[in-house]
Each structure stands twice: as C-alpha cells, then as structure tokens.
Amino acid sequence: MPQALSPQEFLKKAATLPVVDVRSPGEFAQAHIPGAVNIPLFTNEERAVVGTAYKQISKDDALLRGLEYVGPKMADFVRQSRALAPDGEILVHCWRGGMRSGSFAWLLETAGMRVSTLVGGYKAYRNLVLDGFTQPRQLVILGGKTGSGKTEILKELHKLGEQVLDLEALAHHKGSSYGAIGQAPQPTSEQYENDIAVQWQQLDPERRIWVEDESRTVGRCFVPLSLWEQMCQAPVAFVDVPKEVRIQRLVREYACYDHSLLYEATDRIRKRLGGQHHQAALAALEQHDYATVADITLTYYDKAYLHGLSFRTADTIFKIDISEDNPVQTAQQLVAWAEKLHTTVA
C-alpha cells in the first residue's frame, strides 16, 4: 500500500524525490507545489464531465466515466512516472488526497514503483503554507523611493551573508507601472504565496531577514496577509537617495527597452500624473529624453511612497542618507546600522 504522509513529511521527502500532481491542467496552472510535475488524471474537460456526473447523477456513474477516460492513459502514466523517478520512488498528490491520487498511486505500485501520497492533498499543503507566514520572523524593511537601487542593495546584503527575501523577484515585477517591463509573466497570487513559502521556510528565524518595502500588491500578486502584517510592524531602514542619482539609475534600467512599452507604462498612470505632466512625459519620451520622463514620474512616485510610509509608526523609521549610487557601500552601511540597532534594542 502507498505510504500516506503529512504535509510536513511530504515536503521533506520532496526535497529529494519527484512530485507528481495528478490534478487537471487548469488546477495546476492556478497554483501548485513548486517543483511538482503535472501528470493529470483528467483533462480540464474530462474533470468537468466527471464532476457533473457525480453531482447530478451518482458517484457510481462518475466512477465509470472516470475509468473510461483513464483506462487508455494508464500505460503512459507509468512511462512518464518512471522517467521522472528512475530510482523507482515517487510522491503523488491530488486536491484532497482522495480518489485521484489514490488510484494513481495504486497504478504505480502495481507497476513496481514505491509511492507516497499527501494526506489531505494540495488543500492541506496550502493550509501549511498560509500557517507558516504567521510564524514570527526578525524582519528588517529596506525602504527608499523609486530608483534608490533597493534590488541591487538586497543582492549585496545577500553577498555579505545576510538573509534576504526578494518579493519583487518572486513576483516577476518591480512594483511600479513600469515594473513588468523586462520581466517574465507573473505567477498567480496563490502560486506567489507558494513560491514565497519555499524561501520563507528556509530562513533562520533566529536571524534578521531583509525585505524590500512593498505595498500589499506587487503588480498583480498579493503579498500573503500574515507576512504583510509582520512587515508593517518591522523597523524600516529608509535609504534617502538624492533624486538626481535616482533619475540616472532609472535611465540606465529602462532606456534600453522598447519605446512602446515605456509609452504604455506612462499612459497607465496619466490620471495620477495629471494631464499636463502626463503630456509632458510623453513628449519627453518621444524625444528620447528619458531623464525628463523619470523626473516627471518620480514626482508622483515619491509622493505615493511617502504617503505609504506615513502610515507607519514614526519611531520604526530610520533614515539613512545615501549620497551616491553604490549598492556595495550602502549594503555595508546597512549591516553596520542593523548591528547597532540590535545592540540598542537588546
């Protein structure tokens, strides 16, 4: 008989064994355990037919329809699974840990493979993911206005041995209207939570974790609520970088992209810029005057960022003046500041 594992046990084994998600392609596309491979028992259409039969006719009718769909695929299921697990051991799950994963696991065991299933299925895994974000962590928020180079600073902090959770990298978005340019397509919010959870569980709760200051949404992705609430209570290292330095960085980052993408991003914030500033930004873009475009848009983004910062408790915000665009030096300065803050708090 297949071994039934708790979500914790399942994930521990998943670190070294392949995971097969037998849910439909649509369910898998919505969100899945990171690293899992989809070998769907039913197509999206087949699942709909079986589900309708179960609700409107009977469980037995649904079972027979399911068998009609699955029968011709059984040999291919075994071939795909063996290719994934040449050593013969594999993990299998479905939505609730019921008939779909149970029947798939039976098939693979019949074919001589060693199989473990997930008690409660993907639903139980999701509960574990969301519960994990309620566990307290020593967060430190890296704040700063648009163009401050926070992503590069996070990378340098990581090189210095600091723990970093890069929410923008996982969201494939830099946060602003221009944030999707040059990025891969965004995951769903549910998949975003799953992806964050992988890194979250690997972080040492006894050490500080640097997280960039974000709104609740990063593009179309939502930061998990429990994590967001922890972020709102954490101290903020606000790197205050001169506007002219930030303009230079933004020009370097975005001037290389297709003009139409920059036009669309600028057009999306026309109401926030106001008619006159919006037209001026588009006119500058036409002239390839990227510095002026950045200057105009930063007027809006700076106000928006400072407005968001105003909701935090004043004594949790620590301004750190940065005169030049030097992420290496800034990261070193932040580590020294964090050590001093820890000593003061202790």
Foldseek 3Di string as FASTA:
>chain_A
DAAEDELVVLVVCVVPAAEEEQDEPVVVQQADQPRHDYDHLDHPVLVVVLVCCCVPPHPVVSVVSSCVSNVVCLVVLLVVRCVRPVVQEHEYFYQQQDDRRVVSCVSSVVVPGHYYYYHGGVVSNLVVLLVLLLDDAQEEEEAEFALLCVVLLQVLLVVVVAAEQELCLLQQFPAALLTNPPGDHGGEQSNSSSVSSVSSVVDDRVGYYYYYDHDQDGPNHGDRPSNVVSVLQAFYAYEYEDLLQSLVSVCVVPLPDDLVSVLVSLVVCPVLLDVVLSVVLVVCSVVSVSSSNSVSVSVSRVVVRVVVVVVHDPVRYDYDYDYHNDSNVVSVVVVVVVVVVVVVVD
